[in-house]
């Protein structure tokens, strides 16, 4: 993970058009990104999200862990990490 990468917090599903279009849009911008599953976040969000330049709460829920999505939002807000929610 690069320090300039964006974490997309969500549960990637290759059959979901919104997820595929998200990847395509970010790739066209040449933005480095990584999908972070919501169930990998809730207990220690700082351990999982540290080092990303920003967070994007992925479109097209439901999430496997709503607690994970909310923990990521809380992490960003409390630390001044740029956050986009869709």
Protein backbone atom coordinates (compact mmCIF):
# COMPACT_ATOMS: atom_id res chain seq x y z
CA UNK A 1 0.00 0.00 0.00
CA UNK A 2 1.39 3.37 -1.00
CA UNK A 3 1.10 6.36 1.31
CA UNK A 4 -0.87 8.07 -1.45
CA UNK A 5 -3.35 5.21 -1.85
CA UNK A 6 -7.02 5.50 -1.07
CA UNK A 7 -8.81 2.77 0.88
CA UNK A 8 -12.19 1.86 -0.52
CA UNK A 9 -14.00 0.50 2.51
CA UNK A 10 -16.54 -1.98 1.25
CA UNK A 11 -17.05 -5.54 0.21
CA UNK A 12 -15.96 -5.81 -3.41
CA UNK A 13 -18.21 -7.90 -5.61
CA UNK A 14 -17.00 -8.28 -9.20
CA UNK A 15 -20.59 -8.90 -10.35
CA UNK A 16 -21.71 -5.52 -8.97
CA UNK A 17 -21.57 -2.92 -11.77
CA UNK A 18 -21.08 -0.06 -9.29
CA UNK A 19 -17.97 -1.73 -7.89
CA UNK A 20 -16.57 -2.38 -11.36
CA UNK A 21 -17.25 1.23 -12.41
CA UNK A 22 -15.59 2.49 -9.22
CA UNK A 23 -12.44 0.56 -10.13
CA UNK A 24 -12.55 1.84 -13.72
CA UNK A 25 -13.01 5.46 -12.66
CA UNK A 26 -10.15 5.38 -10.17
CA UNK A 27 -7.88 3.58 -12.64
CA UNK A 28 -8.59 6.26 -15.27
CA UNK A 29 -7.53 8.87 -12.73
CA UNK A 30 -4.40 6.80 -12.14
CA UNK A 31 -5.23 6.84 -8.46
CA UNK A 32 -3.75 4.11 -6.33
CA UNK A 33 -6.48 2.33 -4.35
CA UNK A 34 -7.20 -0.82 -2.41
CA UNK A 35 -10.49 -2.38 -1.36
CA UNK A 36 -10.69 -2.99 2.40
CA UNK A 37 -13.47 -5.39 3.43
CA UNK A 38 -15.74 -3.99 6.12
CA UNK A 39 -15.31 -7.07 8.27
CA UNK A 40 -11.55 -6.33 8.45
CA UNK A 41 -12.04 -2.93 10.10
CA UNK A 42 -14.25 -2.87 13.22
CA UNK A 43 -12.02 -3.91 16.11
CA UNK A 44 -8.79 -2.03 15.32
CA UNK A 45 -9.52 0.50 12.57
CA UNK A 46 -6.21 2.33 13.09
CA UNK A 47 -4.25 -0.87 12.51
CA UNK A 48 -6.10 -1.58 9.26
CA UNK A 49 -6.48 1.96 7.86
CA UNK A 50 -3.26 3.68 8.92
CA UNK A 51 -1.19 4.86 6.00
CA UNK A 52 -3.95 5.59 3.51
CA UNK A 53 -4.18 9.13 2.13
CA UNK A 54 -7.98 8.98 2.32
CA UNK A 55 -10.98 6.71 2.69
CA UNK A 56 -13.93 6.14 0.40
CA UNK A 57 -16.93 4.36 1.87
CA UNK A 58 -17.89 2.22 -1.10
CA UNK A 59 -21.17 2.54 -2.91
CA UNK A 60 -23.59 -0.34 -3.25
CA UNK A 61 -24.13 -1.67 0.23
CA UNK A 62 -25.22 -3.83 2.08
CA UNK A 63 -21.95 -4.29 3.88
CA UNK A 64 -20.90 -7.52 5.55
CA UNK A 65 -20.12 -5.42 8.62
CA UNK A 66 -21.96 -2.15 9.15
CA UNK A 67 -19.85 -1.78 12.32
CA UNK A 68 -16.75 -1.89 10.12
CA UNK A 69 -18.07 0.82 7.80
CA UNK A 70 -19.00 3.02 10.76
CA UNK A 71 -15.63 2.39 12.44
CA UNK A 72 -13.86 3.55 9.27
CA UNK A 73 -15.97 6.74 9.17
CA UNK A 74 -15.26 7.39 12.85
CA UNK A 75 -11.54 6.75 12.32
CA UNK A 76 -11.41 9.30 9.47
CA UNK A 77 -13.41 11.96 11.27
CA UNK A 78 -11.44 11.71 14.50
CA UNK A 79 -8.07 11.87 12.72
CA UNK A 80 -8.81 14.36 9.97
CA UNK A 81 -8.39 11.78 7.21
CA UNK A 82 -10.13 12.83 3.96
CA UNK A 83 -13.35 10.86 3.62
CA UNK A 84 -15.86 10.37 0.82
CA UNK A 85 -19.11 8.60 1.59
CA UNK A 86 -21.46 7.45 -1.12
